[in-house]
C-alpha atoms as a PDB file:
ATOM      1  CA  MET A   1      44.145-165.784   0.513  1.00  0.00           C
ATOM      2  CA  PRO A   2      40.870-166.244  -1.047  1.00  0.00           C
ATOM      3  CA  SER A   3      38.361-163.457  -2.070  1.00  0.00           C
ATOM      4  CA  ALA A   4      34.954-163.885  -2.211  1.00  0.00           C
ATOM      5  CA  ARG A   5      32.209-162.051  -3.641  1.00  0.00           C
ATOM      6  CA  VAL A   6      28.894-162.769  -1.950  1.00  0.00           C
ATOM      7  CA  LYS A   7      25.775-161.211  -2.033  1.00  0.00           C
ATOM      8  CA  PHE A   8      23.053-161.217   0.504  1.00  0.00           C
ATOM      9  CA  LYS A   9      19.228-159.579   1.326  1.00  0.00           C
ATOM     10  CA  PRO A  10      16.963-159.036   4.361  1.00  0.00           C
ATOM     11  CA  PRO A  11      14.319-161.496   5.204  1.00  0.00           C
ATOM     12  CA  GLY A  12      11.136-161.611   4.008  1.00  0.00           C
ATOM     13  CA  GLY A  13       9.090-160.253   1.191  1.00  0.00           C
ATOM     14  CA  GLU A  14       9.321-156.727   2.363  1.00  0.00           C
ATOM     15  CA  LEU A  15      12.236-154.317   1.504  1.00  0.00           C
ATOM     16  CA  GLY A  16      12.747-151.009   2.831  1.00  0.00           C
ATOM     17  CA  GLY A  17      15.078-148.220   2.046  1.00  0.00           C
ATOM     18  CA  PRO A  18      17.788-148.661  -0.471  1.00  0.00           C
ATOM     19  CA  PHE A  19      16.649-152.439  -0.697  1.00  0.00           C
ATOM     20  CA  ARG A  20      13.484-151.513  -2.146  1.00  0.00           C
ATOM     21  CA  LEU A  21      14.752-148.662  -4.272  1.00  0.00           C
ATOM     22  CA  SER A  22      17.099-150.820  -5.987  1.00  0.00           C
ATOM     23  CA  THR A  23      14.091-152.924  -6.920  1.00  0.00           C
ATOM     24  CA  GLU A  24      12.216-150.122  -8.057  1.00  0.00           C
ATOM     25  CA  TYR A  25      14.683-148.909 -10.140  1.00  0.00           C
ATOM     26  CA  PRO A  26      16.570-151.526 -11.512  1.00  0.00           C
ATOM     27  CA  ASN A  27      18.234-149.798 -14.266  1.00  0.00           C
ATOM     28  CA  ASP A  28      19.699-147.173 -11.440  1.00  0.00           C
ATOM     29  CA  THR A  29      23.084-147.763  -9.414  1.00  0.00           C
ATOM     30  CA  PHE A  30      23.054-147.742  -5.687  1.00  0.00           C
ATOM     31  CA  ARG A  31      26.609-148.265  -3.767  1.00  0.00           C
ATOM     32  CA  ILE A  32      27.454-148.430  -0.137  1.00  0.00           C
ATOM     33  CA  LEU A  33      30.418-146.204   0.000  1.00  0.00           C
ATOM     34  CA  SER A  34      31.177-146.716   3.797  1.00  0.00           C
ATOM     35  CA  ALA A  35      29.654-148.020   6.937  1.00  0.00           C
ATOM     36  CA  TYR A  36      31.285-147.322  10.252  1.00  0.00           C
ATOM     37  CA  PRO A  37      29.663-148.337  13.302  1.00  0.00           C
ATOM     38  CA  THR A  38      29.202-145.414  16.363  1.00  0.00           C
ATOM     39  CA  GLY A  39      27.801-145.168  19.832  1.00  0.00           C
ATOM     40  CA  GLU A  40      24.500-144.536  18.476  1.00  0.00           C
ATOM     41  CA  GLY A  41      24.265-147.264  15.813  1.00  0.00           C
ATOM     42  CA  LEU A  42      25.602-147.271  12.194  1.00  0.00           C
ATOM     43  CA  LEU A  43      26.590-144.405  10.049  1.00  0.00           C
ATOM     44  CA  VAL A  44      26.079-145.236   6.249  1.00  0.00           C
ATOM     45  CA  LEU A  45      27.402-143.164   3.046  1.00  0.00           C
ATOM     46  CA  LEU A  46      25.125-144.070   0.289  1.00  0.00           C
ATOM     47  CA  GLU A  47      25.743-143.067  -3.378  1.00  0.00           C
ATOM     48  CA  ALA A  48      22.869-143.142  -5.976  1.00  0.00           C
ATOM     49  CA  GLN A  49      23.070-142.495  -9.628  1.00  0.00           C
ATOM     50  CA  MET A  50      19.423-142.160 -11.102  1.00  0.00           C
ATOM     51  CA  ALA A  51      17.625-140.247 -13.862  1.00  0.00           C
ATOM     52  CA  ASP A  52      15.176-139.262 -10.932  1.00  0.00           C
ATOM     53  CA  PRO A  53      17.520-138.404  -7.607  1.00  0.00           C
ATOM     54  CA  SER A  54      14.117-137.366  -5.817  1.00  0.00           C
ATOM     55  CA  ALA A  55      13.319-140.407  -4.966  1.00  0.00           C
ATOM     56  CA  VAL A  56      16.007-141.096  -2.581  1.00  0.00           C
ATOM     57  CA  LEU A  57      15.214-137.809  -0.281  1.00  0.00           C
ATOM     58  CA  ASP A  58      11.691-139.132  -0.469  1.00  0.00           C
ATOM     59  CA  LEU A  59      13.225-142.285   1.338  1.00  0.00           C
ATOM     60  CA  PHE A  60      14.859-140.404   3.829  1.00  0.00           C
ATOM     61  CA  ARG A  61      11.911-137.924   4.646  1.00  0.00           C
ATOM     62  CA  GLY A  62       9.331-140.599   5.441  1.00  0.00           C
ATOM     63  CA  ALA A  63      11.765-142.978   7.352  1.00  0.00           C
ATOM     64  CA  PRO A  64      10.767-143.013  10.762  1.00  0.00           C
ATOM     65  CA  LYS A  65      13.160-142.439  13.635  1.00  0.00           C
ATOM     66  CA  SER A  66      13.308-145.800  14.778  1.00  0.00           C
ATOM     67  CA  ARG A  67      14.607-146.730  11.302  1.00  0.00           C
ATOM     68  CA  VAL A  68      17.054-143.878  10.339  1.00  0.00           C
ATOM     69  CA  SER A  69      17.990-141.415  12.995  1.00  0.00           C
ATOM     70  CA  SER A  70      19.348-138.878  11.345  1.00  0.00           C
ATOM     71  CA  SER A  71      19.899-137.897   7.283  1.00  0.00           C
ATOM     72  CA  GLU A  72      21.785-135.171   5.360  1.00  0.00           C
ATOM     73  CA  VAL A  73      22.534-134.886   1.521  1.00  0.00           C
ATOM     74  CA  LEU A  74      26.111-134.123   0.919  1.00  0.00           C
ATOM     75  CA  HIS A  75      26.040-133.879  -2.855  1.00  0.00           C
ATOM     76  CA  ALA A  76      23.050-133.861  -5.387  1.00  0.00           C
ATOM     77  CA  ASP A  77      22.616-132.735  -8.991  1.00  0.00           C
ATOM     78  CA  GLU A  78      20.854-134.405 -12.055  1.00  0.00           C
ATOM     79  CA  GLU A  79      21.958-137.994 -11.819  1.00  0.00           C
ATOM     80  CA  THR A  80      24.174-138.288  -8.560  1.00  0.00           C
ATOM     81  CA  ILE A  81      22.718-137.991  -4.812  1.00  0.00           C
ATOM     82  CA  LEU A  82      25.397-139.081  -2.186  1.00  0.00           C
ATOM     83  CA  VAL A  83      23.307-139.363   1.466  1.00  0.00           C
ATOM     84  CA  GLN A  84      25.177-139.626   4.959  1.00  0.00           C
ATOM     85  CA  PHE A  85      22.613-141.471   7.162  1.00  0.00           C
ATOM     86  CA  GLN A  86      22.784-142.571  11.038  1.00  0.00           C
ATOM     87  CA  LEU A  87      21.037-145.764  11.618  1.00  0.00           C
ATOM     88  CA  PRO A  88      20.022-146.297  15.040  1.00  0.00           C
ATOM     89  CA  PHE A  89      21.119-149.658  15.182  1.00  0.00           C
ATOM     90  CA  VAL A  90      24.041-151.884  13.691  1.00  0.00           C
ATOM     91  CA  PRO A  91      21.838-154.085  10.861  1.00  0.00           C
ATOM     92  CA  PRO A  92      22.594-157.692  11.093  1.00  0.00           C
ATOM     93  CA  PRO A  93      24.928-158.026   8.058  1.00  0.00           C
ATOM     94  CA  TYR A  94      27.558-156.103   9.818  1.00  0.00           C
ATOM     95  CA  ARG A  95      27.754-157.229  13.072  1.00  0.00           C
ATOM     96  CA  ALA A  96      27.654-160.931  11.129  1.00  0.00           C
ATOM     97  CA  LEU A  97      31.159-159.430   9.861  1.00  0.00           C
ATOM     98  CA  PHE A  98      32.864-158.486  13.363  1.00  0.00           C
ATOM     99  CA  ALA A  99      31.705-161.874  14.556  1.00  0.00           C
ATOM    100  CA  SER A 100      33.151-163.584  12.238  1.00  0.00           C
ATOM    101  CA  GLY A 101      36.404-161.891  11.648  1.00  0.00           C
ATOM    102  CA  ASN A 102      35.801-160.221   8.837  1.00  0.00           C
ATOM    103  CA  LEU A 103      36.283-156.662   8.053  1.00  0.00           C
ATOM    104  CA  PRO A 104      33.712-154.356   5.455  1.00  0.00           C
ATOM    105  CA  GLN A 105      35.225-154.179   1.974  1.00  0.00           C
ATOM    106  CA  PHE A 106      33.693-151.274  -0.003  1.00  0.00           C
ATOM    107  CA  PRO A 107      31.830-150.528  -1.677  1.00  0.00           C
ATOM    108  CA  TYR A 108      28.807-152.217  -1.796  1.00  0.00           C
ATOM    109  CA  THR A 109      26.917-152.330  -4.792  1.00  0.00           C
ATOM    110  CA  ILE A 110      22.823-152.830  -3.991  1.00  0.00           C
ATOM    111  CA  GLN A 111      21.197-154.767  -6.831  1.00  0.00           C
ATOM    112  CA  ASP A 112      17.480-155.788  -7.240  1.00  0.00           C
ATOM    113  CA  GLY A 113      17.405-155.781  -3.329  1.00  0.00           C
ATOM    114  CA  TRP A 114      20.752-157.653  -2.880  1.00  0.00           C
ATOM    115  CA  ILE A 115      24.050-156.322  -1.422  1.00  0.00           C
ATOM    116  CA  VAL A 116      26.924-157.460  -3.113  1.00  0.00           C
ATOM    117  CA  CYS A 117      30.374-157.017  -2.238  1.00  0.00           C
ATOM    118  CA  ASP A 118      34.029-158.330  -1.943  1.00  0.00           C
ATOM    119  CA  LEU A 119      35.752-159.968   0.857  1.00  0.00           C
ATOM    120  CA  SER A 120      39.138-161.140   0.983  1.00  0.00           C
ATOM    121  CA  THR A 121      38.759-163.991   3.508  1.00  0.00           C
ATOM    122  CA  SER A 122      39.934-167.412   4.593  1.00  0.00           C
ATOM    123  CA  HIS A 123      37.604-170.323   4.140  1.00  0.00           C
ATOM    124  CA  GLU A 124      37.263-170.383   7.958  1.00  0.00           C
ATOM    125  CA  ARG A 125      35.833-166.902   8.166  1.00  0.00           C
ATOM    126  CA  LEU A 126      33.416-166.931   5.079  1.00  0.00           C
ATOM    127  CA  SER A 127      31.824-170.492   6.596  1.00  0.00           C
ATOM    128  CA  ARG A 128      31.357-168.331   9.805  1.00  0.00           C
ATOM    129  CA  PHE A 129      30.025-164.975   8.279  1.00  0.00           C
ATOM    130  CA  ARG A 130      27.512-167.805   6.307  1.00  0.00           C
ATOM    131  CA  ASP A 131      26.450-168.910   9.340  1.00  0.00           C
ATOM    132  CA  GLU A 132      26.111-165.672  11.492  1.00  0.00           C
ATOM    133  CA  LEU A 133      23.844-164.039   8.597  1.00  0.00           C
ATOM    134  CA  VAL A 134      21.440-166.868   8.219  1.00  0.00           C
ATOM    135  CA  GLU A 135      20.865-167.415  11.833  1.00  0.00           C
ATOM    136  CA  THR A 136      19.315-163.938  11.440  1.00  0.00           C
ATOM    137  CA  GLY A 137      16.981-164.972   8.617  1.00  0.00           C
ATOM    138  CA  PHE A 138      19.420-163.396   5.613  1.00  0.00           C
ATOM    139  CA  SER A 139      19.688-164.847   2.376  1.00  0.00           C
ATOM    140  CA  LEU A 140      23.208-165.467   1.492  1.00  0.00           C
ATOM    141  CA  GLU A 141      24.747-166.617  -1.667  1.00  0.00           C
ATOM    142  CA  VAL A 142      28.058-167.209  -2.593  1.00  0.00           C
ATOM    143  CA  ILE A 143      28.971-165.640  -5.946  1.00  0.00           C
ATOM    144  CA  ARG A 144      32.784-166.666  -6.799  1.00  0.00           C
ATOM    145  CA  ILE A 145      35.731-167.820  -4.510  1.00  0.00           C
ATOM    146  CA  ASN A 146      39.324-167.300  -6.055  1.00  0.00           C
ATOM    147  CA  GLN A 147      42.083-168.355  -4.425  1.00  0.00           C
ATOM    148  CA  SER A 148      44.748-165.397  -4.571  1.00  0.00           C
ATOM    149  CA  ILE A 149      48.376-166.773  -5.285  1.00  0.00           C
ATOM    150  CA  ASP A 150      51.522-164.730  -5.104  1.00  0.00           C
ATOM    151  CA  PRO A 151      53.302-165.682  -7.909  1.00  0.00           C
ATOM    152  CA  ALA A 152      56.829-165.291  -6.015  1.00  0.00           C
ATOM    153  CA  ASP A 153      55.872-168.220  -3.917  1.00  0.00           C
ATOM    154  CA  LEU A 154      55.836-170.454  -7.766  1.00  0.00           C
ATOM    155  CA  LEU A 155      59.476-169.488  -8.434  1.00  0.00           C
ATOM    156  CA  THR A 156      62.072-171.502  -7.395  1.00  0.00           C
ATOM    157  CA  ASP A 157      64.942-170.123  -4.760  1.00  0.00           C
ATOM    158  CA  ARG A 158      67.386-169.560  -7.296  1.00  0.00           C
ATOM    159  CA  GLN A 159      64.705-167.797  -9.315  1.00  0.00           C
ATOM    160  CA  ARG A 160      63.850-165.297  -6.426  1.00  0.00           C
ATOM    161  CA  GLN A 161      67.512-164.664  -6.218  1.00  0.00           C
ATOM    162  CA  PHE A 162      67.990-163.609  -9.334  1.00  0.00           C
ATOM    163  CA  VAL A 163      65.125-161.520  -9.785  1.00  0.00           C
ATOM    164  CA  THR A 164      65.541-159.783  -6.329  1.00  0.00           C
ATOM    165  CA  GLU A 165      69.302-158.816  -7.706  1.00  0.00           C
ATOM    166  CA  ALA A 166      68.178-158.079 -10.879  1.00  0.00           C
ATOM    167  CA  ILE A 167      64.984-155.072  -8.916  1.00  0.00           C
ATOM    168  CA  GLU A 168      67.572-154.099  -6.248  1.00  0.00           C
ATOM    169  CA  ARG A 169      70.719-153.362  -9.000  1.00  0.00           C
ATOM    170  CA  GLY A 170      68.184-151.177 -10.818  1.00  0.00           C
ATOM    171  CA  TYR A 171      67.883-153.660 -13.914  1.00  0.00           C
ATOM    172  CA  TYR A 172      63.760-153.580 -14.281  1.00  0.00           C
ATOM    173  CA  ASP A 173      64.661-149.559 -14.142  1.00  0.00           C
ATOM    174  CA  ALA A 174      63.691-146.762 -17.215  1.00  0.00           C
ATOM    175  CA  PRO A 175      66.387-146.300 -17.876  1.00  0.00           C
ATOM    176  CA  ARG A 176      68.021-149.924 -16.689  1.00  0.00           C
ATOM    177  CA  GLN A 177      70.836-148.666 -14.152  1.00  0.00           C
ATOM    178  CA  CYS A 178      72.739-152.480 -14.659  1.00  0.00           C
ATOM    179  CA  SER A 179      73.183-154.402 -17.657  1.00  0.00           C
ATOM    180  CA  LEU A 180      72.656-158.323 -17.835  1.00  0.00           C
ATOM    181  CA  THR A 181      76.436-157.926 -17.920  1.00  0.00           C
ATOM    182  CA  GLU A 182      76.747-156.615 -15.348  1.00  0.00           C
ATOM    183  CA  LEU A 183      74.001-158.341 -13.367  1.00  0.00           C
ATOM    184  CA  ALA A 184      75.415-161.616 -14.439  1.00  0.00           C
ATOM    185  CA  ASP A 185      78.773-160.671 -12.629  1.00  0.00           C
ATOM    186  CA  GLU A 186      77.398-159.898  -9.439  1.00  0.00           C
ATOM    187  CA  LEU A 187      75.441-163.083  -9.117  1.00  0.00           C
ATOM    188  CA  GLY A 188      78.868-165.031 -10.109  1.00  0.00           C
ATOM    189  CA  VAL A 189      77.324-166.896 -13.003  1.00  0.00           C
ATOM    190  CA  SER A 190      77.831-166.700 -17.223  1.00  0.00           C
ATOM    191  CA  LYS A 191      75.733-163.733 -18.723  1.00  0.00           C
ATOM    192  CA  SER A 192      73.685-166.844 -20.639  1.00  0.00           C
ATOM    193  CA  THR A 193      73.020-168.177 -17.720  1.00  0.00           C
ATOM    194  CA  THR A 194      71.378-164.484 -16.042  1.00  0.00           C
ATOM    195  CA  SER A 195      69.122-164.160 -18.853  1.00  0.00           C
ATOM    196  CA  VAL A 196      67.627-167.979 -18.937  1.00  0.00           C
ATOM    197  CA  VAL A 197      66.807-167.442 -15.178  1.00  0.00           C
ATOM    198  CA  LEU A 198      65.053-164.524 -15.484  1.00  0.00           C
ATOM    199  CA  HIS A 199      63.687-165.062 -18.726  1.00  0.00           C
ATOM    200  CA  ASN A 200      61.688-168.249 -16.977  1.00  0.00           C
ATOM    201  CA  ALA A 201      60.706-166.333 -13.599  1.00  0.00           C
ATOM    202  CA  GLU A 202      59.936-163.198 -15.373  1.00  0.00           C
ATOM    203  CA  GLU A 203      57.555-166.326 -17.599  1.00  0.00           C
ATOM    204  CA  ILE A 204      55.777-167.578 -14.427  1.00  0.00           C
ATOM    205  CA  ILE A 205      55.479-163.711 -13.186  1.00  0.00           C
ATOM    206  CA  VAL A 206      53.250-162.451 -15.854  1.00  0.00           C
ATOM    207  CA  LYS A 207      51.303-165.566 -16.967  1.00  0.00           C
ATOM    208  CA  GLU A 208      50.249-165.769 -13.589  1.00  0.00           C
ATOM    209  CA  PHE A 209      49.432-162.189 -13.805  1.00  0.00           C
ATOM    210  CA  PHE A 210      47.098-161.849 -16.281  1.00  0.00           C
ATOM    211  CA  ALA A 211      45.704-165.617 -15.405  1.00  0.00           C
ATOM    212  CA  VAL A 212      44.213-163.715 -11.933  1.00  0.00           C
ATOM    213  CA  SER A 213      43.571-160.386 -14.305  1.00  0.00           C
ATOM    214  CA  ILE A 214      41.323-162.062 -17.013  1.00  0.00           C
ATOM    215  CA  GLU A 215      39.838-164.535 -14.888  1.00  0.00           C
END
């Protein structure tokens, strides 16, 4: 299934809440660690790593009840503050996620007025999310899309059979529970054939793994 990194921000030039703080303090870090719909709106957990965390306290102290129902500081020190707050509504991005069949994957990072997040989604659901969000006036940009491939799908049936047998017999355990000769006997082939098939399968798996990791 493809994975996508997207970013979106509210409509208009006036940014409020954490969006505004992220533009005023571009060198600091703001992350939404969780956000869950409730009967009263949306319950959000915000982490801010700042040189002056008091700016977050000032933000919530001055927020009208129509925007923030309640807030509670769960942790605060010289550089980090963790605030849980209740919104009296579910914001458009979360409604768009649910309406398009996507699920939130936290944390979300807030950078320069944008929320940046990752989604494991299909192209169809990503397109629906874009349409739902744009209808509300939000701006959305797709940063990248990665097509996820299971390395096992790249193996032949024979390679998959040999690797599966090797795993089940403990050939890859440390310490090894099965020798190459014993594995070859179980598979009913020569030791050299077993070695070649396993090596070719391992090459595919390792190269695919690191190709995805380095990308």
